[in-house]
Amino acid sequence: QVQLVESGGGLGQPGGSLRLSCAASGIIFSVYDMGWYRRAPGKQRELVAVSNSGGTTNYADLVKGRFTISRDNDKNTMYLQMNSLKPEDTAVYYCNAHLGIRMNYWGQGTQVTVSS
């Protein structure tokens, strides 16, 4: 059974930092492309950052230079370091594991709220 479990969300201050984690089980983590997505209130889910199995990373323009995605294949865990937080970063953040066409898994999401 595949499980993706996010943690690390909560309340962050504008200009502050939070670190999200996604612990994966039931998959061969190292071969999966991994990503973070988010859904803000009243908006569609959007891509935040991805880390493919080869180590290449890509970021949405809105978070480029502020967020850093990383992964530890030995621990089957992906991270999202979020710095210089803005109120518009408030959203539910989802972990995604993707391999080919048929293998696509989502975590349950973790709430991030940026407010003073």
Protein backbone atom coordinates (compact mmCIF):
# COMPACT_ATOMS: atom_id res chain seq x y z
CA GLN A 1 0.00 0.00 0.00
CA VAL A 2 1.39 3.37 -1.03
CA GLN A 3 1.42 6.10 1.58
CA LEU A 4 2.63 9.67 1.34
CA VAL A 5 2.49 11.49 4.65
CA GLU A 6 3.13 15.22 4.82
CA SER A 7 4.18 17.02 7.97
CA GLY A 8 5.61 20.35 9.03
CA GLY A 9 2.76 22.65 8.12
CA GLY A 10 1.30 25.21 10.45
CA LEU A 11 1.38 28.91 11.07
CA GLY A 12 4.26 30.91 9.66
CA GLN A 13 5.06 34.59 9.91
CA PRO A 14 5.49 36.77 6.82
CA GLY A 15 9.17 36.70 6.02
CA GLY A 16 9.61 33.58 8.09
CA SER A 17 10.34 29.96 7.25
CA LEU A 18 8.72 26.57 7.39
CA ARG A 19 9.94 23.15 6.34
CA LEU A 20 7.61 20.52 5.00
CA SER A 21 8.39 16.81 4.86
CA CYS A 22 6.82 13.99 2.86
CA ALA A 23 7.53 10.47 4.05
CA ALA A 24 6.84 7.81 1.44
CA SER A 25 6.22 4.11 1.87
CA GLY A 26 5.12 1.33 -0.46
CA ILE A 27 7.09 2.64 -3.44
CA ILE A 28 10.66 2.49 -4.67
CA PHE A 29 11.16 6.12 -3.79
CA SER A 30 14.35 6.70 -5.74
CA VAL A 31 12.77 6.00 -9.14
CA TYR A 32 9.79 8.27 -8.67
CA ASP A 33 9.51 11.87 -9.71
CA MET A 34 8.40 13.76 -6.61
CA GLY A 35 6.64 17.06 -6.32
CA TRP A 36 4.93 19.57 -4.09
CA TYR A 37 1.64 21.12 -5.09
CA ARG A 38 -0.64 23.50 -3.29
CA ARG A 39 -4.26 24.60 -3.32
CA ALA A 40 -5.14 28.01 -1.98
CA PRO A 41 -8.69 28.82 -0.90
CA GLY A 42 -10.90 29.30 -3.93
CA LYS A 43 -8.14 28.37 -6.37
CA GLN A 44 -7.09 25.33 -8.34
CA ARG A 45 -4.23 23.13 -7.27
CA GLU A 46 -0.93 24.36 -8.67
CA LEU A 47 2.58 23.05 -8.99
CA VAL A 48 5.08 24.40 -6.48
CA ALA A 49 8.24 22.39 -7.14
CA VAL A 50 9.36 19.06 -8.54
CA SER A 51 12.39 16.84 -8.09
CA ASN A 52 12.73 14.10 -10.66
CA SER A 53 14.43 10.79 -10.11
CA GLY A 54 17.58 12.10 -11.76
CA GLY A 55 17.87 14.97 -9.32
CA THR A 56 16.69 17.77 -11.57
CA THR A 57 14.50 20.34 -9.86
CA ASN A 58 12.03 22.90 -11.16
CA TYR A 59 10.04 25.60 -9.44
CA ALA A 60 6.99 27.67 -10.06
CA ASP A 61 7.93 31.27 -10.76
CA LEU A 62 6.02 32.41 -7.67
CA VAL A 63 8.33 30.49 -5.33
CA LYS A 64 11.61 30.54 -7.25
CA GLY A 65 14.41 31.81 -5.06
CA ARG A 66 12.38 31.36 -1.88
CA PHE A 67 11.55 27.65 -1.76
CA THR A 68 13.92 24.70 -2.07
CA ILE A 69 12.87 21.15 -2.81
CA SER A 70 15.12 18.27 -1.81
CA ARG A 71 14.91 14.55 -1.32
CA ASP A 72 16.71 11.88 0.69
CA ASN A 73 16.38 8.60 -1.16
CA ASP A 74 17.86 6.67 1.77
CA LYS A 75 15.08 7.94 4.04
CA ASN A 76 12.33 7.85 1.40
CA THR A 77 11.57 11.44 2.27
CA MET A 78 11.11 14.66 0.34
CA TYR A 79 11.36 18.16 1.78
CA LEU A 80 10.27 21.66 0.95
CA GLN A 81 12.18 24.45 2.65
CA MET A 82 10.05 27.57 2.46
CA ASN A 83 11.76 30.89 3.21
CA SER A 84 10.61 34.48 2.93
CA LEU A 85 7.03 33.38 3.37
CA LYS A 86 4.25 35.55 2.05
CA PRO A 87 0.55 35.57 2.95
CA GLU A 88 -0.19 34.36 -0.58
CA ASP A 89 1.71 31.15 0.21
CA THR A 90 -1.21 30.18 2.43
CA ALA A 91 -2.58 26.90 1.05
CA VAL A 92 -2.87 23.21 1.60
CA TYR A 93 0.38 21.66 0.40
CA TYR A 94 0.31 18.20 -1.17
CA CYS A 95 3.05 15.70 -1.81
CA ASN A 96 2.96 13.84 -5.13
CA ALA A 97 4.81 10.75 -6.37
CA HIS A 98 4.70 10.09 -10.09
CA LEU A 99 6.10 7.35 -12.30
CA GLY A 100 4.99 6.89 -15.89
CA ILE A 101 1.32 7.15 -16.77
CA ARG A 102 -0.29 4.88 -14.23
CA MET A 103 1.64 5.49 -11.05
CA ASN A 104 0.45 8.72 -9.51
CA TYR A 105 -0.02 9.11 -5.77
CA TRP A 106 -1.00 11.96 -3.46
CA GLY A 107 -0.64 12.68 0.20
CA GLN A 108 -3.47 13.95 2.35
CA GLY A 109 -2.10 17.49 2.47
CA THR A 110 -0.81 19.77 5.17
CA GLN A 111 -2.10 23.27 5.87
CA VAL A 112 0.29 26.19 5.69
CA THR A 113 -0.99 29.54 6.91
CA VAL A 114 1.14 32.66 6.63
CA SER A 115 -0.12 35.45 8.81
CA SER A 116 1.10 37.92 11.39
